[in-house]
Amino acid sequence: MKKMTFLSSAETEAAAPADASLGRRLRVLRKAGGLSLQQVAGRTGLSIGYLSQVERGVSSASVRALAIIAEGLGVGLAGLFSAQTPSDSEETRFGFRADESQVFNIPFDGLEKRLLTPGSQSSGLNLFLMTIAPGGTSGEAFYHHAGEEAGHVQAGTLELTVDTETRLLKTGDSFRFLSARPHRWRNAGRGVCKVLWVNNT
């Protein structure tokens, strides 16, 4: 059973605009792909009611649910960050300023996911900075998706489980695995955990 995380009223108010913005983005992506809620439900195994609530900003999606939805929509997690279509010049860029990064806050998972390589929707390779609060987790349930991922723990302690094997990774440790393998993670320390995380979809 997934451990419940309760937000303060201030945290709930802060989360609401992010939920609404994300919901609008998901609806745009779904309609752009010519998909109905029923079709996305069939692809993801998530209920139509839940998907509708996420699109309307009524329910907060976990990082696990977002990964599943992104795959069902045919986009990587980075595709959920921005609705902007990059120009040809943006497609050929190879350097990004710190203030150009884009941020997802997922309060129920205790997670801030910062996309450090914004712009291109054509590349399946993306770099994220994950900031995980104490107790932050992807949940008890495992999830999987297309691609491969790797990471480097910059601060704190990350407990990473892939298939049936669990590793406790501390500052300076790294990991790599195929994303199709069932996995989950959590901040196993008392302080904030920061992970430089790469996804290749």
N, C-alpha and C. Protein backbone atom coordinates (compact mmCIF):
# COMPACT_ATOMS: atom_id res chain seq x y z
N MET A 1 0.84 -1.19 0.00
CA MET A 1 0.00 0.00 0.00
C MET A 1 0.87 1.23 0.00
N LYS A 2 0.55 2.20 -0.86
CA LYS A 2 1.38 3.39 -0.98
C LYS A 2 1.22 4.27 0.24
N LYS A 3 2.32 4.74 0.78
CA LYS A 3 2.30 5.64 1.91
C LYS A 3 1.70 6.96 1.49
N MET A 4 0.72 7.45 2.28
CA MET A 4 0.06 8.71 1.94
C MET A 4 0.93 9.88 2.40
N THR A 5 1.00 10.89 1.57
CA THR A 5 1.73 12.11 1.92
C THR A 5 0.73 13.25 1.97
N PHE A 6 0.64 13.94 3.10
CA PHE A 6 -0.33 15.00 3.25
C PHE A 6 0.35 16.35 3.08
N LEU A 7 -0.28 17.22 2.29
CA LEU A 7 0.25 18.54 2.05
C LEU A 7 -0.38 19.54 2.99
N SER A 8 0.38 20.59 3.32
CA SER A 8 -0.20 21.69 4.07
C SER A 8 -1.10 22.48 3.13
N SER A 9 -1.92 23.37 3.67
CA SER A 9 -2.82 24.16 2.83
C SER A 9 -2.02 25.03 1.87
N ALA A 10 -0.88 25.55 2.32
CA ALA A 10 -0.04 26.38 1.46
C ALA A 10 0.53 25.56 0.31
N GLU A 11 0.96 24.32 0.62
CA GLU A 11 1.50 23.44 -0.41
C GLU A 11 0.43 23.05 -1.42
N THR A 12 -0.80 22.81 -0.93
CA THR A 12 -1.90 22.45 -1.81
C THR A 12 -2.21 23.59 -2.77
N GLU A 13 -2.24 24.83 -2.26
CA GLU A 13 -2.51 25.98 -3.10
C GLU A 13 -1.42 26.16 -4.14
N ALA A 14 -0.17 25.90 -3.75
CA ALA A 14 0.95 26.04 -4.69
C ALA A 14 0.91 24.97 -5.76
N ALA A 15 0.40 23.78 -5.40
CA ALA A 15 0.37 22.67 -6.34
C ALA A 15 -0.72 22.83 -7.39
N ALA A 16 -1.85 23.49 -7.02
CA ALA A 16 -3.01 23.59 -7.90
C ALA A 16 -2.69 24.19 -9.26
N PRO A 17 -2.00 25.36 -9.34
CA PRO A 17 -1.68 25.91 -10.67
C PRO A 17 -0.82 24.98 -11.51
N ALA A 18 0.12 24.28 -10.87
CA ALA A 18 0.98 23.35 -11.59
C ALA A 18 0.17 22.19 -12.14
N ASP A 19 -0.80 21.70 -11.34
CA ASP A 19 -1.67 20.61 -11.79
C ASP A 19 -2.50 21.05 -12.99
N ALA A 20 -3.03 22.27 -12.92
CA ALA A 20 -3.87 22.78 -14.01
C ALA A 20 -3.06 22.95 -15.28
N SER A 21 -1.85 23.49 -15.14
CA SER A 21 -0.98 23.71 -16.30
C SER A 21 -0.59 22.39 -16.94
N LEU A 22 -0.24 21.41 -16.11
CA LEU A 22 0.12 20.09 -16.62
C LEU A 22 -1.07 19.43 -17.30
N GLY A 23 -2.25 19.57 -16.69
CA GLY A 23 -3.45 18.99 -17.27
C GLY A 23 -3.74 19.54 -18.65
N ARG A 24 -3.58 20.84 -18.81
CA ARG A 24 -3.79 21.46 -20.13
C ARG A 24 -2.79 20.93 -21.14
N ARG A 25 -1.55 20.77 -20.71
CA ARG A 25 -0.50 20.26 -21.59
C ARG A 25 -0.82 18.84 -22.04
N LEU A 26 -1.28 18.01 -21.12
CA LEU A 26 -1.62 16.63 -21.45
C LEU A 26 -2.78 16.58 -22.44
N ARG A 27 -3.76 17.46 -22.25
CA ARG A 27 -4.90 17.49 -23.17
C ARG A 27 -4.45 17.90 -24.57
N VAL A 28 -3.55 18.90 -24.64
CA VAL A 28 -3.03 19.35 -25.94
C VAL A 28 -2.30 18.22 -26.65
N LEU A 29 -1.46 17.51 -25.91
CA LEU A 29 -0.71 16.39 -26.50
C LEU A 29 -1.64 15.26 -26.95
N ARG A 30 -2.63 14.97 -26.14
CA ARG A 30 -3.56 13.89 -26.49
C ARG A 30 -4.34 14.24 -27.77
N LYS A 31 -4.86 15.46 -27.84
CA LYS A 31 -5.63 15.86 -29.01
C LYS A 31 -4.75 15.99 -30.24
N ALA A 32 -3.51 16.44 -30.04
CA ALA A 32 -2.58 16.54 -31.18
C ALA A 32 -2.30 15.17 -31.76
N GLY A 33 -2.34 14.16 -30.92
CA GLY A 33 -2.11 12.79 -31.37
C GLY A 33 -3.39 12.11 -31.86
N GLY A 34 -4.50 12.85 -31.83
CA GLY A 34 -5.76 12.29 -32.29
C GLY A 34 -6.27 11.17 -31.42
N LEU A 35 -5.98 11.24 -30.12
CA LEU A 35 -6.35 10.17 -29.20
C LEU A 35 -7.52 10.57 -28.29
N SER A 36 -8.39 9.64 -28.02
CA SER A 36 -9.46 9.85 -27.05
C SER A 36 -8.96 9.43 -25.66
N LEU A 37 -9.68 9.85 -24.62
CA LEU A 37 -9.33 9.40 -23.28
C LEU A 37 -9.40 7.88 -23.18
N GLN A 38 -10.36 7.30 -23.86
CA GLN A 38 -10.50 5.85 -23.85
C GLN A 38 -9.29 5.16 -24.46
N GLN A 39 -8.76 5.73 -25.54
CA GLN A 39 -7.58 5.14 -26.18
C GLN A 39 -6.35 5.26 -25.28
N VAL A 40 -6.19 6.41 -24.63
CA VAL A 40 -5.05 6.60 -23.72
C VAL A 40 -5.18 5.65 -22.54
N ALA A 41 -6.40 5.47 -22.04
CA ALA A 41 -6.64 4.53 -20.94
C ALA A 41 -6.24 3.12 -21.36
N GLY A 42 -6.58 2.76 -22.59
CA GLY A 42 -6.22 1.43 -23.09
C GLY A 42 -4.73 1.23 -23.22
N ARG A 43 -4.02 2.30 -23.58
CA ARG A 43 -2.57 2.21 -23.74
C ARG A 43 -1.83 2.19 -22.40
N THR A 44 -2.39 2.86 -21.40
CA THR A 44 -1.67 3.05 -20.14
C THR A 44 -2.13 2.15 -19.01
N GLY A 45 -3.36 1.62 -19.12
CA GLY A 45 -3.90 0.84 -18.02
C GLY A 45 -4.48 1.71 -16.92
N LEU A 46 -4.50 3.03 -17.11
CA LEU A 46 -5.08 3.95 -16.14
C LEU A 46 -6.54 4.18 -16.50
N SER A 47 -7.37 4.48 -15.52
CA SER A 47 -8.79 4.63 -15.78
C SER A 47 -9.09 5.94 -16.51
N ILE A 48 -10.19 5.94 -17.27
CA ILE A 48 -10.62 7.15 -17.98
C ILE A 48 -10.92 8.26 -16.97
N GLY A 49 -11.55 7.89 -15.86
CA GLY A 49 -11.87 8.88 -14.83
C GLY A 49 -10.64 9.56 -14.27
N TYR A 50 -9.61 8.77 -13.99
CA TYR A 50 -8.37 9.33 -13.44
C TYR A 50 -7.70 10.25 -14.46
N LEU A 51 -7.61 9.79 -15.71
CA LEU A 51 -6.99 10.60 -16.76
C LEU A 51 -7.73 11.91 -16.95
N SER A 52 -9.06 11.85 -16.89
CA SER A 52 -9.87 13.06 -17.02
C SER A 52 -9.60 14.03 -15.87
N GLN A 53 -9.48 13.49 -14.66
CA GLN A 53 -9.20 14.33 -13.49
C GLN A 53 -7.84 15.00 -13.60
N VAL A 54 -6.85 14.27 -14.09
CA VAL A 54 -5.51 14.84 -14.26
C VAL A 54 -5.55 15.95 -15.31
N GLU A 55 -6.23 15.71 -16.42
CA GLU A 55 -6.33 16.73 -17.47
C GLU A 55 -7.04 17.99 -16.98
N ARG A 56 -8.00 17.83 -16.08
CA ARG A 56 -8.74 18.97 -15.55
C ARG A 56 -8.04 19.62 -14.36
N GLY A 57 -6.92 19.05 -13.95
CA GLY A 57 -6.17 19.62 -12.83
C GLY A 57 -6.79 19.31 -11.49
N VAL A 58 -7.73 18.36 -11.45
CA VAL A 58 -8.41 17.99 -10.22
C VAL A 58 -7.55 17.05 -9.38
N SER A 59 -6.81 16.16 -10.06
CA SER A 59 -5.93 15.20 -9.38
C SER A 59 -4.48 15.47 -9.73
N SER A 60 -3.60 15.29 -8.76
CA SER A 60 -2.16 15.41 -9.00
C SER A 60 -1.63 14.07 -9.48
N ALA A 61 -0.86 14.10 -10.56
CA ALA A 61 -0.27 12.87 -11.09
C ALA A 61 1.09 12.62 -10.44
N SER A 62 1.35 11.36 -10.10
CA SER A 62 2.65 10.99 -9.56
C SER A 62 3.65 10.90 -10.70
N VAL A 63 4.93 10.85 -10.36
CA VAL A 63 5.95 10.72 -11.40
C VAL A 63 5.79 9.39 -12.14
N ARG A 64 5.35 8.35 -11.42
CA ARG A 64 5.09 7.07 -12.06
C ARG A 64 3.98 7.21 -13.10
N ALA A 65 2.87 7.86 -12.71
CA ALA A 65 1.74 8.04 -13.63
C ALA A 65 2.14 8.89 -14.83
N LEU A 66 2.95 9.93 -14.59
CA LEU A 66 3.38 10.79 -15.69
C LEU A 66 4.23 10.03 -16.70
N ALA A 67 5.11 9.15 -16.21
CA ALA A 67 5.94 8.35 -17.11
C ALA A 67 5.07 7.44 -17.96
N ILE A 68 4.05 6.84 -17.35
CA ILE A 68 3.15 5.94 -18.07
C ILE A 68 2.32 6.71 -19.09
N ILE A 69 1.80 7.88 -18.69
CA ILE A 69 0.99 8.69 -19.59
C ILE A 69 1.83 9.20 -20.76
N ALA A 70 3.04 9.66 -20.46
CA ALA A 70 3.92 10.17 -21.52
C ALA A 70 4.18 9.10 -22.57
N GLU A 71 4.42 7.88 -22.12
CA GLU A 71 4.65 6.79 -23.07
C GLU A 71 3.38 6.50 -23.87
N GLY A 72 2.22 6.53 -23.20
CA GLY A 72 0.96 6.30 -23.88
C GLY A 72 0.66 7.35 -24.94
N LEU A 73 1.14 8.57 -24.71
CA LEU A 73 0.94 9.65 -25.67
C LEU A 73 2.00 9.66 -26.77
N GLY A 74 3.01 8.80 -26.60
CA GLY A 74 4.07 8.73 -27.61
C GLY A 74 5.11 9.81 -27.48
N VAL A 75 5.24 10.38 -26.28
CA VAL A 75 6.27 11.39 -26.03
C VAL A 75 7.07 10.97 -24.80
N GLY A 76 8.28 11.46 -24.67
CA GLY A 76 9.06 11.21 -23.46
C GLY A 76 8.62 12.18 -22.38
N LEU A 77 9.15 11.99 -21.18
CA LEU A 77 8.81 12.90 -20.08
C LEU A 77 9.13 14.35 -20.42
N ALA A 78 10.19 14.56 -21.18
CA ALA A 78 10.55 15.93 -21.56
C ALA A 78 9.47 16.57 -22.41
N GLY A 79 8.70 15.76 -23.13
CA GLY A 79 7.63 16.29 -23.96
C GLY A 79 6.51 16.91 -23.16
N LEU A 80 6.44 16.63 -21.85
CA LEU A 80 5.40 17.19 -21.01
C LEU A 80 5.76 18.58 -20.49
N PHE A 81 6.99 18.98 -20.68
CA PHE A 81 7.45 20.23 -20.07
C PHE A 81 7.02 21.48 -20.81
N SER A 82 7.04 21.46 -22.12
CA SER A 82 6.80 22.70 -22.87
C SER A 82 5.95 22.44 -24.08
N ALA A 83 5.01 23.35 -24.32
CA ALA A 83 4.16 23.25 -25.50
C ALA A 83 4.76 23.98 -26.68
N GLN A 84 5.90 24.61 -26.48
CA GLN A 84 6.51 25.38 -27.56
C GLN A 84 7.15 24.46 -28.59
N THR A 85 7.00 24.82 -29.86
CA THR A 85 7.65 24.09 -30.94
C THR A 85 8.96 24.80 -31.26
N PRO A 86 10.10 24.14 -31.10
CA PRO A 86 11.38 24.79 -31.32
C PRO A 86 11.61 25.13 -32.78
N SER A 87 12.31 26.22 -33.00
CA SER A 87 12.67 26.61 -34.35
C SER A 87 13.86 25.79 -34.81
N ASP A 88 14.22 25.92 -36.09
CA ASP A 88 15.37 25.18 -36.62
C ASP A 88 16.63 25.51 -35.86
N SER A 89 16.79 26.80 -35.49
CA SER A 89 17.99 27.21 -34.77
C SER A 89 18.03 26.57 -33.38
N GLU A 90 16.84 26.43 -32.74
CA GLU A 90 16.79 25.80 -31.43
C GLU A 90 17.11 24.31 -31.53
N GLU A 91 16.73 23.68 -32.64
CA GLU A 91 16.99 22.26 -32.83
C GLU A 91 18.49 21.96 -32.93
N THR A 92 19.26 22.93 -33.40
CA THR A 92 20.70 22.71 -33.59
C THR A 92 21.53 23.23 -32.42
N ARG A 93 20.88 23.81 -31.41
CA ARG A 93 21.63 24.33 -30.26
C ARG A 93 22.27 23.20 -29.47
N PHE A 94 23.41 23.51 -28.87
CA PHE A 94 24.08 22.51 -28.05
C PHE A 94 24.43 23.02 -26.66
N GLY A 95 24.09 24.28 -26.35
CA GLY A 95 24.36 24.84 -25.03
C GLY A 95 23.10 25.48 -24.46
N PHE A 96 22.91 25.33 -23.15
CA PHE A 96 21.71 25.85 -22.51
C PHE A 96 22.09 26.61 -21.24
N ARG A 97 21.51 27.79 -21.06
CA ARG A 97 21.76 28.60 -19.88
C ARG A 97 20.94 28.08 -18.69
N ALA A 98 21.42 28.36 -17.50
CA ALA A 98 20.75 27.89 -16.29
C ALA A 98 19.31 28.40 -16.20
N ASP A 99 19.08 29.65 -16.62
CA ASP A 99 17.74 30.21 -16.49
C ASP A 99 16.77 29.73 -17.58
N GLU A 100 17.24 28.86 -18.47
CA GLU A 100 16.37 28.30 -19.50
C GLU A 100 15.75 26.96 -19.08
N SER A 101 16.21 26.42 -17.96
CA SER A 101 15.69 25.12 -17.52
C SER A 101 14.21 25.25 -17.17
N GLN A 102 13.50 24.14 -17.29
CA GLN A 102 12.07 24.10 -17.00
C GLN A 102 11.81 23.14 -15.86
N VAL A 103 10.83 23.49 -15.02
CA VAL A 103 10.64 22.75 -13.77
C VAL A 103 9.24 22.16 -13.65
N PHE A 104 9.19 20.92 -13.20
CA PHE A 104 7.96 20.25 -12.77
C PHE A 104 8.06 20.07 -11.27
N ASN A 105 7.06 20.50 -10.53
CA ASN A 105 6.97 20.17 -9.12
C ASN A 105 5.89 19.12 -8.94
N ILE A 106 6.23 18.01 -8.30
CA ILE A 106 5.27 16.94 -8.07
C ILE A 106 5.19 16.75 -6.55
N PRO A 107 4.35 17.59 -5.87
CA PRO A 107 4.35 17.62 -4.40
C PRO A 107 4.07 16.28 -3.75
N PHE A 108 3.14 15.48 -4.30
CA PHE A 108 2.77 14.23 -3.65
C PHE A 108 3.90 13.22 -3.66
N ASP A 109 4.87 13.39 -4.57
CA ASP A 109 6.04 12.51 -4.60
C ASP A 109 7.24 13.17 -3.94
N GLY A 110 7.07 14.41 -3.45
CA GLY A 110 8.18 15.12 -2.84
C GLY A 110 9.29 15.38 -3.83
N LEU A 111 8.91 15.73 -5.07
CA LEU A 111 9.89 15.79 -6.16
C LEU A 111 9.83 17.10 -6.94
N GLU A 112 11.00 17.64 -7.22
CA GLU A 112 11.14 18.69 -8.22
C GLU A 112 11.97 18.10 -9.35
N LYS A 113 11.42 18.12 -10.56
CA LYS A 113 12.11 17.55 -11.73
C LYS A 113 12.42 18.71 -12.67
N ARG A 114 13.70 19.01 -12.84
CA ARG A 114 14.13 20.15 -13.65
C ARG A 114 14.75 19.65 -14.95
N LEU A 115 14.15 20.04 -16.07
CA LEU A 115 14.69 19.69 -17.38
C LEU A 115 15.82 20.66 -17.73
N LEU A 116 17.04 20.14 -17.82
CA LEU A 116 18.21 20.99 -18.08
C LEU A 116 18.50 21.16 -19.56
N THR A 117 17.85 20.36 -20.41
CA THR A 117 18.08 20.43 -21.86
C THR A 117 16.76 20.68 -22.57
N PRO A 118 16.19 21.87 -22.43
CA PRO A 118 14.87 22.16 -23.01
C PRO A 118 14.95 22.42 -24.52
N GLY A 119 13.78 22.52 -25.12
CA GLY A 119 13.74 22.95 -26.53
C GLY A 119 13.39 21.85 -27.49
N SER A 120 14.29 20.94 -27.74
CA SER A 120 14.09 19.96 -28.81
C SER A 120 13.14 18.85 -28.41
N GLN A 121 12.12 18.64 -29.25
CA GLN A 121 11.19 17.54 -29.05
C GLN A 121 11.61 16.31 -29.87
N SER A 122 12.58 16.51 -30.76
CA SER A 122 12.96 15.42 -31.66
C SER A 122 13.98 14.48 -31.02
N SER A 123 14.71 14.99 -30.03
CA SER A 123 15.72 14.16 -29.38
C SER A 123 15.11 13.34 -28.27
N GLY A 124 15.52 12.08 -28.18
CA GLY A 124 15.03 11.22 -27.10
C GLY A 124 15.94 11.27 -25.89
N LEU A 125 17.04 12.03 -25.98
CA LEU A 125 18.02 12.10 -24.90
C LEU A 125 17.81 13.39 -24.11
N ASN A 126 17.51 13.26 -22.82
CA ASN A 126 17.25 14.44 -21.99
C ASN A 126 17.91 14.31 -20.63
N LEU A 127 18.32 15.46 -20.11
CA LEU A 127 19.02 15.53 -18.83
C LEU A 127 18.15 16.27 -17.81
N PHE A 128 17.96 15.63 -16.66
CA PHE A 128 17.13 16.21 -15.60
C PHE A 128 17.94 16.34 -14.31
N LEU A 129 17.59 17.33 -13.49
CA LEU A 129 18.09 17.40 -12.13
C LEU A 129 16.90 17.11 -11.23
N MET A 130 16.98 16.00 -10.52
CA MET A 130 15.91 15.58 -9.63
C MET A 130 16.26 15.99 -8.21
N THR A 131 15.38 16.74 -7.57
CA THR A 131 15.53 17.11 -6.17
C THR A 131 14.42 16.43 -5.40
N ILE A 132 14.78 15.47 -4.56
CA ILE A 132 13.80 14.63 -3.87
C ILE A 132 13.82 14.95 -2.38
N ALA A 133 12.68 15.35 -1.86
CA ALA A 133 12.58 15.69 -0.44
C ALA A 133 12.69 14.44 0.42
N PRO A 134 13.04 14.58 1.69
CA PRO A 134 13.07 13.42 2.58
C PRO A 134 11.72 12.70 2.55
N GLY A 135 11.76 11.40 2.34
CA GLY A 135 10.53 10.62 2.24
C GLY A 135 9.94 10.60 0.85
N GLY A 136 10.49 11.40 -0.07
CA GLY A 136 10.00 11.43 -1.44
C GLY A 136 10.21 10.10 -2.13
N THR A 137 9.24 9.70 -2.95
CA THR A 137 9.29 8.37 -3.55
C THR A 137 8.49 8.31 -4.84
N SER A 138 8.82 7.36 -5.68
CA SER A 138 8.02 7.11 -6.88
C SER A 138 6.81 6.25 -6.54
N GLY A 139 6.74 5.75 -5.30
CA GLY A 139 5.62 4.94 -4.85
C GLY A 139 6.01 3.49 -4.66
N GLU A 140 5.12 2.73 -4.06
CA GLU A 140 5.36 1.32 -3.80
C GLU A 140 5.31 0.49 -5.08
N ALA A 141 4.46 0.91 -6.02
CA ALA A 141 4.29 0.16 -7.26
C ALA A 141 5.47 0.40 -8.20
N PHE A 142 5.90 -0.63 -8.89
CA PHE A 142 6.94 -0.50 -9.90
C PHE A 142 6.35 0.10 -11.16
N TYR A 143 7.19 0.70 -11.98
CA TYR A 143 6.76 1.17 -13.29
C TYR A 143 7.87 0.94 -14.30
N HIS A 144 7.50 0.98 -15.57
CA HIS A 144 8.48 0.79 -16.63
C HIS A 144 8.01 1.53 -17.87
N HIS A 145 8.93 1.79 -18.78
CA HIS A 145 8.62 2.52 -20.00
C HIS A 145 9.74 2.27 -21.00
N ALA A 146 9.61 2.84 -22.17
CA ALA A 146 10.63 2.63 -23.20
C ALA A 146 11.91 3.38 -22.86
N GLY A 147 13.03 2.90 -23.41
CA GLY A 147 14.29 3.64 -23.31
C GLY A 147 15.29 3.08 -22.33
N GLU A 148 16.21 3.96 -21.95
CA GLU A 148 17.28 3.62 -21.02
C GLU A 148 17.53 4.84 -20.15
N GLU A 149 18.02 4.63 -18.94
CA GLU A 149 18.31 5.76 -18.08
C GLU A 149 19.57 5.52 -17.25
N ALA A 150 20.14 6.63 -16.83
CA ALA A 150 21.35 6.58 -16.03
C ALA A 150 21.35 7.80 -15.12
N GLY A 151 22.14 7.74 -14.07
CA GLY A 151 22.16 8.87 -13.17
C GLY A 151 23.36 8.90 -12.27
N HIS A 152 23.55 10.05 -11.63
CA HIS A 152 24.65 10.27 -10.70
C HIS A 152 24.09 10.98 -9.48
N VAL A 153 24.27 10.38 -8.29
CA VAL A 153 23.77 10.98 -7.06
C VAL A 153 24.72 12.10 -6.64
N GLN A 154 24.21 13.32 -6.65
CA GLN A 154 25.03 14.48 -6.31
C GLN A 154 25.00 14.80 -4.82
N ALA A 155 23.90 14.43 -4.17
CA ALA A 155 23.78 14.67 -2.72
C ALA A 155 22.73 13.74 -2.15
N GLY A 156 22.94 13.30 -0.91
CA GLY A 156 21.95 12.48 -0.24
C GLY A 156 22.08 10.99 -0.55
N THR A 157 20.97 10.28 -0.30
CA THR A 157 20.95 8.83 -0.45
C THR A 157 19.71 8.41 -1.24
N LEU A 158 19.93 7.70 -2.34
CA LEU A 158 18.84 7.21 -3.18
C LEU A 158 18.75 5.70 -3.06
N GLU A 159 17.56 5.20 -2.72
CA GLU A 159 17.31 3.77 -2.75
C GLU A 159 16.65 3.44 -4.08
N LEU A 160 17.33 2.66 -4.90
CA LEU A 160 16.86 2.33 -6.24
C LEU A 160 16.64 0.82 -6.34
N THR A 161 15.43 0.44 -6.73
CA THR A 161 15.11 -0.98 -6.93
C THR A 161 14.81 -1.22 -8.40
N VAL A 162 15.53 -2.15 -9.01
CA VAL A 162 15.31 -2.54 -10.40
C VAL A 162 15.09 -4.05 -10.40
N ASP A 163 13.95 -4.48 -10.95
CA ASP A 163 13.53 -5.88 -10.85
C ASP A 163 13.41 -6.24 -9.36
N THR A 164 14.18 -7.19 -8.89
CA THR A 164 14.09 -7.60 -7.49
C THR A 164 15.32 -7.17 -6.67
N GLU A 165 16.20 -6.39 -7.29
CA GLU A 165 17.44 -5.99 -6.61
C GLU A 165 17.37 -4.54 -6.17
N THR A 166 17.72 -4.28 -4.93
CA THR A 166 17.72 -2.93 -4.37
C THR A 166 19.13 -2.49 -4.06
N ARG A 167 19.47 -1.29 -4.49
CA ARG A 167 20.79 -0.72 -4.20
C ARG A 167 20.61 0.60 -3.45
N LEU A 168 21.44 0.83 -2.46
CA LEU A 168 21.46 2.09 -1.73
C LEU A 168 22.62 2.91 -2.30
N LEU A 169 22.29 3.97 -3.00
CA LEU A 169 23.29 4.78 -3.69
C LEU A 169 23.49 6.10 -2.95
N LYS A 170 24.76 6.39 -2.63
CA LYS A 170 25.07 7.60 -1.86
C LYS A 170 25.81 8.61 -2.75
N THR A 171 26.08 9.76 -2.20
CA THR A 171 26.74 10.83 -2.94
C THR A 171 27.97 10.32 -3.69
N GLY A 172 27.98 10.56 -5.00
CA GLY A 172 29.09 10.12 -5.84
C GLY A 172 28.83 8.82 -6.57
N ASP A 173 27.80 8.06 -6.15
CA ASP A 173 27.46 6.80 -6.81
C ASP A 173 26.65 7.05 -8.08
N SER A 174 26.65 6.07 -8.98
CA SER A 174 25.94 6.19 -10.25
C SER A 174 25.15 4.93 -10.55
N PHE A 175 24.28 5.02 -11.58
CA PHE A 175 23.49 3.86 -11.98
C PHE A 175 23.16 3.95 -13.48
N ARG A 176 22.77 2.81 -14.04
CA ARG A 176 22.31 2.74 -15.43
C ARG A 176 21.49 1.46 -15.59
N PHE A 177 20.34 1.55 -16.29
CA PHE A 177 19.52 0.36 -16.53
C PHE A 177 18.54 0.64 -17.67
N LEU A 178 18.02 -0.42 -18.27
CA LEU A 178 17.00 -0.30 -19.30
C LEU A 178 15.68 0.05 -18.62
N SER A 179 15.00 1.06 -19.15
CA SER A 179 13.77 1.54 -18.52
C SER A 179 12.64 0.53 -18.60
N ALA A 180 12.76 -0.47 -19.48
CA ALA A 180 11.73 -1.51 -19.59
C ALA A 180 11.73 -2.44 -18.38
N ARG A 181 12.81 -2.40 -17.60
CA ARG A 181 12.86 -3.21 -16.38
C ARG A 181 12.05 -2.51 -15.29
N PRO A 182 11.17 -3.23 -14.59
CA PRO A 182 10.37 -2.61 -13.53
C PRO A 182 11.27 -1.97 -12.48
N HIS A 183 10.96 -0.71 -12.13
CA HIS A 183 11.81 -0.01 -11.18
C HIS A 183 11.00 0.96 -10.31
N ARG A 184 11.62 1.35 -9.22
CA ARG A 184 11.06 2.36 -8.32
C ARG A 184 12.22 2.95 -7.52
N TRP A 185 11.99 4.09 -6.89
CA TRP A 185 13.06 4.75 -6.13
C TRP A 185 12.47 5.52 -4.96
N ARG A 186 13.33 5.87 -4.01
CA ARG A 186 12.93 6.74 -2.91
C ARG A 186 14.15 7.39 -2.29
N ASN A 187 13.94 8.51 -1.65
CA ASN A 187 14.98 9.16 -0.87
C ASN A 187 15.06 8.42 0.46
N ALA A 188 16.16 7.72 0.66
CA ALA A 188 16.31 6.90 1.86
C ALA A 188 17.06 7.63 2.98
N GLY A 189 17.37 8.91 2.76
CA GLY A 189 18.12 9.66 3.76
C GLY A 189 17.26 10.65 4.52
N ARG A 190 17.87 11.38 5.42
CA ARG A 190 17.15 12.37 6.22
C ARG A 190 17.17 13.75 5.57
N GLY A 191 18.08 13.93 4.62
CA GLY A 191 18.17 15.22 3.94
C GLY A 191 17.68 15.12 2.50
N VAL A 192 17.78 16.23 1.80
CA VAL A 192 17.38 16.29 0.40
C VAL A 192 18.34 15.43 -0.44
N CYS A 193 17.79 14.72 -1.41
CA CYS A 193 18.60 13.93 -2.34
C CYS A 193 18.56 14.60 -3.71
N LYS A 194 19.72 14.79 -4.32
CA LYS A 194 19.80 15.38 -5.65
C LYS A 194 20.46 14.39 -6.60
N VAL A 195 19.79 14.17 -7.73
CA VAL A 195 20.28 13.20 -8.71
C VAL A 195 20.28 13.82 -10.10
N LEU A 196 21.41 13.76 -10.76
CA LEU A 196 21.49 14.14 -12.18
C LEU A 196 21.04 12.91 -12.95
N TRP A 197 19.88 13.00 -13.61
CA TRP A 197 19.22 11.82 -14.18
C TRP A 197 19.07 11.98 -15.68
N VAL A 198 19.51 10.99 -16.43
CA VAL A 198 19.43 11.01 -17.89
C VAL A 198 18.42 9.99 -18.37
N ASN A 199 17.51 10.42 -19.25
CA ASN A 199 16.57 9.52 -19.89
C ASN A 199 16.80 9.52 -21.39
N ASN A 200 16.87 8.33 -21.98
CA ASN A 200 17.00 8.18 -23.42
C ASN A 200 15.84 7.31 -23.90
N THR A 201 14.88 7.94 -24.58
CA THR A 201 13.68 7.22 -25.00
C THR A 201 13.65 7.04 -26.51
